[in-house]
Amino acid sequence: MNINHNTEFLIIGGGIAGCIAAISLSETYNVTLIDKLKEPVNKVGESLAPATHRIFNALGFSLNDNQYKNLFLNNLGMQSYWGSDQLQILDHLRNPDGLSKSVDRKKLGKFLREKVLEKGVNGFWGYRLFSSEYSNQKWKIICKKDNPKNRTSITIDANFVLDATGRNSHFARSLSIKRTHFDSLISCWLTVPNTSKNTMSSIISDEFGWWYSAVLPENKRVISYQTDSDIFDKKVFKNFNSFSQLLRKNNTINKLVEHDTDEVEFHGVVSANSTKLNTVVGQKWLALGDAAISFDPLSSQGMFNAMANAMQVSELLKTYQLSDLSDSEKMDQFSKQYNSQIESVWAHYLKHKNIFYGAETRWINSIFWKRRLENDFVL
């Protein structure tokens, strides 16, 4: 069975960036959102910067509302062993935007999808991008049900396409656009019941990378280890039993994982490197969020950047009225402005990433830290 569908804006990817853009654009345009997952899944990366409050307020819902209390947990700040054996504390108590939040990513994904549908956005879940073609100032996108027992497809005619498919940038990749990888950072992560009264996040560097831990809603804790993909044998990250050997080498982190194996949810390895799409905007399409640029989790800005980028994109699209635009000159102006925004965010990110990594000088001869101090690799 094939479904035919028309829309002004098609957003491919129903993650944080895609949902925020859909909610914002829906106030003015007919918007369609499509995602390969029937429902959100667990993801690493739970930190929402204090400035996130502004974005949610602009969308019409406050993080301080009691109905959202199961999604978020106040995070008082960060304790770290970084660049020194002495414990350092950075709190958010004096931040004008309030406290940072720790969030359950799966629940946040479900929450945002609900808001998307409440706004009248057309949502298609469980459909994977199959092909794309631009003709007569419109995109024809074919998506197919990601289910071998159900081969339903949707043919979508869209005035404009937003690629919000994360680091894989599926739509841009279908146009043969490449990504530049600036390092090979990976993150191996797990969740356990929280047994500590201290709800501050923790970051601890070691010779081969760095550990991170934070408390999540419903008394859970996330623990992750970041290192380069070629430093350890891949077997170390295959399961909890092999990963626990690495855990036991760090006393502070190991104390947080003193549970029965049955209580540990081992999620495995995900990419955590800095990457940038070589072309982020083209003929009536653009990439946003991680599909455009992805950050090292040390920045704690991944989700906030995705949200802020989605809001900026929406305002820019409304300003240039690109849904029904046939004026190539305005399209060029839009492309230049959007490119400039992305380059500015990227330059700011690189500057601060280099400062953060440069603050750790205890293992300057270790390959992990040497790479970051010398800043000498692009993959």
Protein backbone atom coordinates (compact mmCIF):
# COMPACT_ATOMS: atom_id res chain seq x y z
CA MET A 1 0.00 0.00 0.00
CA ASN A 2 1.22 3.51 -0.82
CA ILE A 3 0.10 6.72 0.89
CA ASN A 4 0.39 10.07 -0.93
CA HIS A 5 0.95 13.12 1.23
CA ASN A 6 1.59 16.84 0.64
CA THR A 7 3.23 19.21 3.09
CA GLU A 8 5.01 22.54 3.24
CA PHE A 9 7.79 21.41 5.59
CA LEU A 10 8.94 17.83 5.91
CA ILE A 11 11.18 17.07 8.87
CA ILE A 12 13.00 13.74 8.68
CA GLY A 13 13.99 12.65 12.17
CA GLY A 14 11.78 12.84 15.25
CA GLY A 15 14.45 13.39 17.87
CA ILE A 16 14.89 16.53 19.95
CA ALA A 17 15.88 18.87 17.09
CA GLY A 18 13.19 17.55 14.75
CA CYS A 19 10.41 17.82 17.33
CA ILE A 20 11.38 21.32 18.48
CA ALA A 21 11.49 22.55 14.86
CA ALA A 22 8.12 20.91 14.14
CA ILE A 23 6.45 22.50 17.17
CA SER A 24 7.81 25.95 16.30
CA LEU A 25 7.01 25.80 12.56
CA SER A 26 3.52 24.39 13.14
CA GLU A 27 2.32 27.81 14.32
CA THR A 28 2.62 29.09 10.75
CA TYR A 29 2.89 26.16 8.34
CA ASN A 30 1.67 22.70 7.51
CA VAL A 31 4.38 20.44 8.93
CA THR A 32 5.06 16.72 8.61
CA LEU A 33 7.45 14.80 10.85
CA ILE A 34 8.70 11.32 10.03
CA ASP A 35 10.95 9.00 12.03
CA LYS A 36 12.25 5.46 11.56
CA LEU A 37 11.48 4.54 15.19
CA LYS A 38 7.95 3.64 16.25
CA GLU A 39 8.75 5.12 19.63
CA PRO A 40 11.78 6.78 21.30
CA VAL A 41 14.50 4.64 22.84
CA ASN A 42 17.01 5.12 25.64
CA LYS A 43 19.93 7.38 24.74
CA VAL A 44 23.03 8.57 26.51
CA GLY A 45 23.25 12.32 27.13
CA GLU A 46 20.95 13.61 29.83
CA SER A 47 22.19 17.10 30.63
CA LEU A 48 20.02 20.11 29.81
CA ALA A 49 21.81 23.44 30.20
CA PRO A 50 20.05 26.11 32.34
CA ALA A 51 19.31 28.20 29.22
CA THR A 52 17.04 25.38 28.01
CA HIS A 53 14.36 26.98 30.21
CA ARG A 54 14.09 29.82 27.68
CA ILE A 55 13.42 27.46 24.79
CA PHE A 56 10.69 25.50 26.56
CA ASN A 57 9.09 28.73 27.76
CA ALA A 58 9.04 30.04 24.18
CA LEU A 59 7.29 26.83 23.09
CA GLY A 60 4.65 27.31 25.76
CA PHE A 61 5.57 24.89 28.53
CA SER A 62 7.69 25.43 31.62
CA LEU A 63 10.12 22.89 33.03
CA ASN A 64 8.97 23.93 36.49
CA ASP A 65 5.40 22.75 35.86
CA ASN A 66 4.48 19.85 38.16
CA GLN A 67 3.09 17.78 35.30
CA TYR A 68 6.64 17.44 33.90
CA LYS A 69 8.37 16.57 37.19
CA ASN A 70 8.87 12.91 36.19
CA LEU A 71 10.88 14.04 33.15
CA PHE A 72 13.44 16.26 34.83
CA LEU A 73 15.61 16.37 37.92
CA ASN A 74 17.37 19.47 39.20
CA ASN A 75 21.14 19.20 38.93
CA LEU A 76 23.00 21.37 41.44
CA GLY A 77 26.25 21.27 39.50
CA MET A 78 29.38 19.30 38.70
CA GLN A 79 32.14 17.81 40.84
CA SER A 80 35.31 16.91 38.99
CA TYR A 81 38.79 15.51 39.15
CA TRP A 82 40.08 17.20 36.01
CA GLY A 83 43.60 18.53 35.68
CA SER A 84 44.20 17.84 39.37
CA ASP A 85 43.84 15.16 42.03
CA GLN A 86 41.91 17.71 44.10
CA LEU A 87 38.13 17.67 43.95
CA GLN A 88 36.66 20.76 42.28
CA ILE A 89 33.03 21.87 42.44
CA LEU A 90 31.11 23.99 39.94
CA ASP A 91 27.53 24.78 40.96
CA HIS A 92 24.64 26.38 39.05
CA LEU A 93 23.11 28.16 42.01
CA ARG A 94 24.00 31.61 40.71
CA ASN A 95 23.06 30.99 37.08
CA PRO A 96 20.36 33.53 36.05
CA ASP A 97 18.59 30.79 34.05
CA GLY A 98 18.34 28.56 37.09
CA LEU A 99 19.60 25.04 37.60
CA SER A 100 20.59 22.61 34.90
CA LYS A 101 18.38 19.55 34.51
CA SER A 102 19.03 15.86 34.21
CA VAL A 103 16.47 14.24 31.94
CA ASP A 104 15.23 10.78 31.03
CA ARG A 105 15.89 10.87 27.27
CA LYS A 106 13.30 8.24 26.37
CA LYS A 107 10.55 9.99 28.33
CA LEU A 108 11.58 13.36 26.92
CA GLY A 109 11.31 11.90 23.41
CA LYS A 110 7.79 10.62 24.10
CA PHE A 111 6.81 13.95 25.66
CA LEU A 112 8.00 15.92 22.64
CA ARG A 113 6.19 13.60 20.21
CA GLU A 114 2.97 14.16 22.16
CA LYS A 115 3.45 17.94 21.93
CA VAL A 116 4.14 17.61 18.19
CA LEU A 117 0.81 15.87 17.61
CA GLU A 118 -1.04 18.31 19.88
CA LYS A 119 0.21 21.10 17.60
CA GLY A 120 -1.42 19.46 14.57
CA VAL A 121 1.80 18.20 13.01
CA ASN A 122 1.40 15.14 10.77
CA GLY A 123 3.45 12.42 12.47
CA PHE A 124 4.51 9.18 10.79
CA TRP A 125 6.42 6.81 13.06
CA GLY A 126 8.28 3.69 11.96
CA TYR A 127 9.07 4.89 8.43
CA ARG A 128 12.58 4.93 6.99
CA LEU A 129 13.82 7.27 4.24
CA PHE A 130 14.02 5.31 0.97
CA SER A 131 14.62 7.88 -1.80
CA SER A 132 14.58 11.60 -2.52
CA GLU A 133 14.26 13.65 -5.71
CA TYR A 134 14.05 17.40 -6.35
CA SER A 135 12.00 18.55 -9.32
CA ASN A 136 9.88 21.60 -10.18
CA GLN A 137 10.87 23.34 -6.93
CA LYS A 138 9.55 20.48 -4.81
CA TRP A 139 10.98 17.45 -3.10
CA LYS A 140 9.49 14.01 -3.65
CA ILE A 141 10.42 11.84 -0.69
CA ILE A 142 9.58 8.15 -0.46
CA CYS A 143 9.63 6.51 2.95
CA LYS A 144 8.90 2.87 3.69
CA LYS A 145 7.61 1.14 6.79
CA ASP A 146 10.57 -0.23 8.73
CA ASN A 147 8.87 -3.59 9.18
CA PRO A 148 9.41 -6.69 6.99
CA LYS A 149 5.78 -7.72 7.63
CA ASN A 150 4.39 -4.33 6.61
CA ARG A 151 5.73 -2.75 3.41
CA THR A 152 3.52 0.34 3.47
CA SER A 153 5.22 3.32 1.83
CA ILE A 154 4.54 7.07 1.87
CA THR A 155 5.24 9.38 -1.05
CA ILE A 156 5.58 12.91 0.29
CA ASP A 157 5.64 16.07 -1.84
CA ALA A 158 7.33 18.75 0.25
CA ASN A 159 8.22 22.38 -0.37
CA PHE A 160 11.19 22.19 2.00
CA VAL A 161 13.04 19.37 3.79
CA LEU A 162 14.80 19.49 7.15
CA ASP A 163 17.30 16.72 7.89
CA ALA A 164 17.15 16.02 11.63
CA THR A 165 18.40 12.42 11.46
CA GLY A 166 21.33 12.90 13.86
CA ARG A 167 24.95 12.04 13.22
CA ASN A 168 23.99 9.69 10.38
CA SER A 169 22.42 12.61 8.42
CA HIS A 170 20.47 10.14 6.26
CA PHE A 171 18.88 12.71 3.97
CA ALA A 172 22.12 14.61 3.32
CA ARG A 173 23.87 11.30 2.76
CA SER A 174 21.26 10.38 0.15
CA LEU A 175 22.47 13.50 -1.69
CA SER A 176 26.07 12.18 -1.51
CA ILE A 177 27.14 14.81 1.03
CA LYS A 178 30.03 13.76 3.27
CA ARG A 179 30.83 14.39 6.94
CA THR A 180 34.18 15.36 8.41
CA HIS A 181 35.13 13.44 11.58
CA PHE A 182 37.53 15.37 13.80
CA ASP A 183 38.29 12.54 16.22
CA SER A 184 37.24 8.98 17.04
CA LEU A 185 35.68 9.46 20.48
CA ILE A 186 33.23 6.79 21.64
CA SER A 187 31.10 6.51 24.76
CA CYS A 188 30.31 3.25 26.55
CA TRP A 189 27.40 3.68 28.94
CA LEU A 190 25.14 1.96 31.43
CA THR A 191 22.43 2.82 33.94
CA VAL A 192 22.11 1.54 37.52
CA PRO A 193 19.92 2.30 40.54
CA ASN A 194 21.21 5.36 42.35
CA THR A 195 22.48 4.68 45.87
CA SER A 196 24.23 8.00 46.55
CA LYS A 197 22.66 10.97 48.32
CA ASN A 198 24.92 13.29 46.32
CA THR A 199 22.99 14.33 43.21
CA MET A 200 25.77 16.37 41.59
CA SER A 201 27.21 15.11 38.32
CA SER A 202 30.78 13.79 38.32
CA ILE A 203 33.57 13.89 35.78
CA ILE A 204 36.91 12.13 36.29
CA SER A 205 39.76 12.01 33.79
CA ASP A 206 42.26 9.18 33.54
CA GLU A 207 45.16 8.24 31.30
CA PHE A 208 43.01 6.94 28.46
CA GLY A 209 39.87 9.10 28.57
CA TRP A 210 37.31 10.23 31.11
CA TRP A 211 34.40 9.01 33.24
CA TYR A 212 31.06 10.71 33.69
CA SER A 213 28.15 10.07 36.03
CA ALA A 214 24.84 11.78 36.73
CA VAL A 215 21.63 11.04 38.60
CA LEU A 216 18.48 10.63 36.48
CA PRO A 217 14.79 10.89 37.37
CA GLU A 218 13.19 7.92 39.19
CA ASN A 219 16.35 7.24 41.18
CA LYS A 220 18.55 6.05 38.35
CA ARG A 221 22.15 6.87 37.56
CA VAL A 222 23.94 6.98 34.22
CA ILE A 223 27.65 6.12 34.03
CA SER A 224 29.75 6.45 30.89
CA TYR A 225 33.35 6.19 29.81
CA GLN A 226 34.71 8.24 26.90
CA THR A 227 37.82 7.19 24.99
CA ASP A 228 39.04 6.82 21.41
CA SER A 229 37.83 3.80 19.48
CA ASP A 230 41.35 2.48 18.82
CA ILE A 231 42.76 2.63 22.38
CA PHE A 232 41.10 -0.44 23.88
CA ASP A 233 40.29 -3.82 22.42
CA LYS A 234 36.64 -3.78 21.33
CA LYS A 235 35.98 -6.78 23.58
CA VAL A 236 36.27 -4.45 26.61
CA PHE A 237 33.01 -2.79 25.61
CA LYS A 238 31.17 -5.93 24.52
CA ASN A 239 29.21 -6.52 27.74
CA PHE A 240 29.04 -5.50 31.40
CA ASN A 241 31.34 -8.28 32.59
CA SER A 242 34.21 -7.12 30.39
CA PHE A 243 33.46 -3.42 30.95
CA SER A 244 33.40 -3.90 34.74
CA GLN A 245 37.14 -4.68 34.61
CA LEU A 246 37.67 -1.10 33.47
CA LEU A 247 35.20 0.20 36.05
CA ARG A 248 37.10 -1.41 38.91
CA LYS A 249 40.20 0.62 38.07
CA ASN A 250 38.44 3.80 39.21
CA ASN A 251 37.46 3.65 42.88
CA THR A 252 35.12 6.64 42.78
CA ILE A 253 33.10 5.31 39.85
CA ASN A 254 33.25 1.69 40.97
CA LYS A 255 31.50 2.57 44.25
CA LEU A 256 28.48 3.68 42.20
CA VAL A 257 28.11 0.28 40.55
CA GLU A 258 28.01 -1.98 43.57
CA HIS A 259 24.84 -3.75 42.47
CA ASP A 260 23.76 -7.16 41.38
CA THR A 261 24.35 -7.67 37.69
CA ASP A 262 20.57 -7.96 37.22
CA GLU A 263 20.20 -4.31 38.25
CA VAL A 264 22.66 -3.03 35.65
CA GLU A 265 21.37 -1.95 32.24
CA PHE A 266 24.37 -2.12 29.92
CA HIS A 267 23.71 -0.07 26.76
CA GLY A 268 27.02 -0.48 24.97
CA VAL A 269 28.95 1.89 22.72
CA VAL A 270 27.82 4.95 20.75
CA SER A 271 29.73 7.53 18.72
CA ALA A 272 30.61 10.66 20.68
CA ASN A 273 33.04 12.38 18.33
CA SER A 274 33.05 15.88 16.91
CA THR A 275 31.71 15.82 13.36
CA LYS A 276 30.52 18.35 10.83
CA LEU A 277 28.45 17.93 7.69
CA ASN A 278 30.42 19.34 4.76
CA THR A 279 27.32 21.07 3.34
CA VAL A 280 24.56 22.02 5.80
CA VAL A 281 22.12 23.77 3.44
CA GLY A 282 21.16 23.35 -0.20
CA GLN A 283 18.26 23.79 -2.61
CA LYS A 284 15.25 24.02 -0.30
CA TRP A 285 16.76 21.73 2.34
CA LEU A 286 18.95 22.04 5.40
CA ALA A 287 20.45 19.94 8.18
CA LEU A 288 19.94 20.82 11.83
CA GLY A 289 21.03 19.54 15.22
CA ASP A 290 23.47 16.64 15.17
CA ALA A 291 22.82 16.14 11.48
CA ALA A 292 24.65 19.43 10.91
CA ILE A 293 27.27 19.39 13.68
CA SER A 294 27.78 16.95 16.55
CA PHE A 295 29.61 17.70 19.78
CA ASP A 296 31.93 15.92 22.16
CA PRO A 297 29.81 15.21 25.31
CA LEU A 298 32.41 17.07 27.39
CA SER A 299 30.72 20.25 26.19
CA SER A 300 27.37 19.24 27.76
CA GLN A 301 25.83 21.31 24.96
CA GLY A 302 24.56 18.63 22.57
CA MET A 303 20.86 18.77 23.46
CA PHE A 304 20.83 22.51 24.04
CA ASN A 305 22.51 23.13 20.69
CA ALA A 306 19.96 20.91 18.96
CA MET A 307 17.10 22.82 20.56
CA ALA A 308 18.58 26.28 19.99
CA ASN A 309 19.47 25.41 16.40
CA ALA A 310 15.90 24.18 15.76
CA MET A 311 14.44 27.41 17.14
CA GLN A 312 16.83 29.59 15.10
CA VAL A 313 16.09 27.60 11.95
CA SER A 314 12.34 27.99 12.45
CA GLU A 315 12.61 31.75 12.88
CA LEU A 316 14.89 32.02 9.85
CA LEU A 317 12.51 29.99 7.68
CA LYS A 318 9.59 32.15 8.76
CA THR A 319 11.55 35.32 8.01
CA TYR A 320 12.44 34.23 4.48
CA GLN A 321 9.07 32.49 3.85
CA LEU A 322 10.87 29.62 2.17
CA SER A 323 7.93 27.24 2.11
CA ASP A 324 6.53 28.77 -1.09
CA LEU A 325 9.69 30.51 -2.25
CA SER A 326 10.78 30.45 -5.89
CA ASP A 327 13.16 33.39 -5.55
CA SER A 328 16.67 31.96 -5.93
CA GLU A 329 18.24 35.20 -4.68
CA LYS A 330 16.43 34.93 -1.33
CA MET A 331 17.35 31.27 -1.14
CA ASP A 332 21.00 32.28 -1.54
CA GLN A 333 20.64 34.90 1.18
CA PHE A 334 19.06 32.37 3.48
CA SER A 335 21.81 29.82 2.79
CA LYS A 336 24.54 32.34 3.58
CA GLN A 337 22.89 33.38 6.83
CA TYR A 338 22.29 29.80 7.96
CA ASN A 339 25.83 28.79 7.04
CA SER A 340 27.11 31.74 9.06
CA GLN A 341 25.07 30.66 12.11
CA ILE A 342 26.41 27.10 11.96
CA GLU A 343 30.02 28.24 11.48
CA SER A 344 29.72 30.61 14.44
CA VAL A 345 28.40 27.85 16.74
CA TRP A 346 31.10 25.45 15.49
CA ALA A 347 33.93 27.94 16.06
CA HIS A 348 32.66 28.70 19.58
CA TYR A 349 32.43 25.00 20.35
CA LEU A 350 35.94 24.19 19.12
CA LYS A 351 37.41 27.05 21.13
CA HIS A 352 35.86 25.86 24.38
CA LYS A 353 36.52 22.17 23.71
CA ASN A 354 40.22 22.94 23.26
CA ILE A 355 40.24 24.94 26.50
CA PHE A 356 38.57 22.10 28.45
CA TYR A 357 40.90 19.39 27.16
CA GLY A 358 43.89 21.69 27.48
CA ALA A 359 43.25 21.98 31.22
CA GLU A 360 44.25 18.33 31.71
CA THR A 361 48.05 17.98 31.49
CA ARG A 362 48.78 15.02 33.77
CA TRP A 363 49.05 12.52 30.91
CA ILE A 364 50.56 14.55 28.08
CA ASN A 365 52.34 11.50 26.67
CA SER A 366 49.20 9.36 26.58
CA ILE A 367 47.87 8.99 23.04
CA PHE A 368 44.36 10.12 24.06
CA TRP A 369 45.52 13.40 25.61
CA LYS A 370 48.36 13.95 23.17
CA ARG A 371 45.90 13.96 20.30
CA ARG A 372 43.77 16.61 21.98
CA LEU A 373 46.63 18.78 23.17
CA GLU A 374 48.24 18.77 19.72
CA ASN A 375 44.85 18.97 17.98
CA ASP A 376 46.35 17.12 15.04
CA PHE A 377 43.77 14.70 13.74
CA VAL A 378 40.93 14.83 11.24
CA LEU A 379 39.43 11.57 10.03
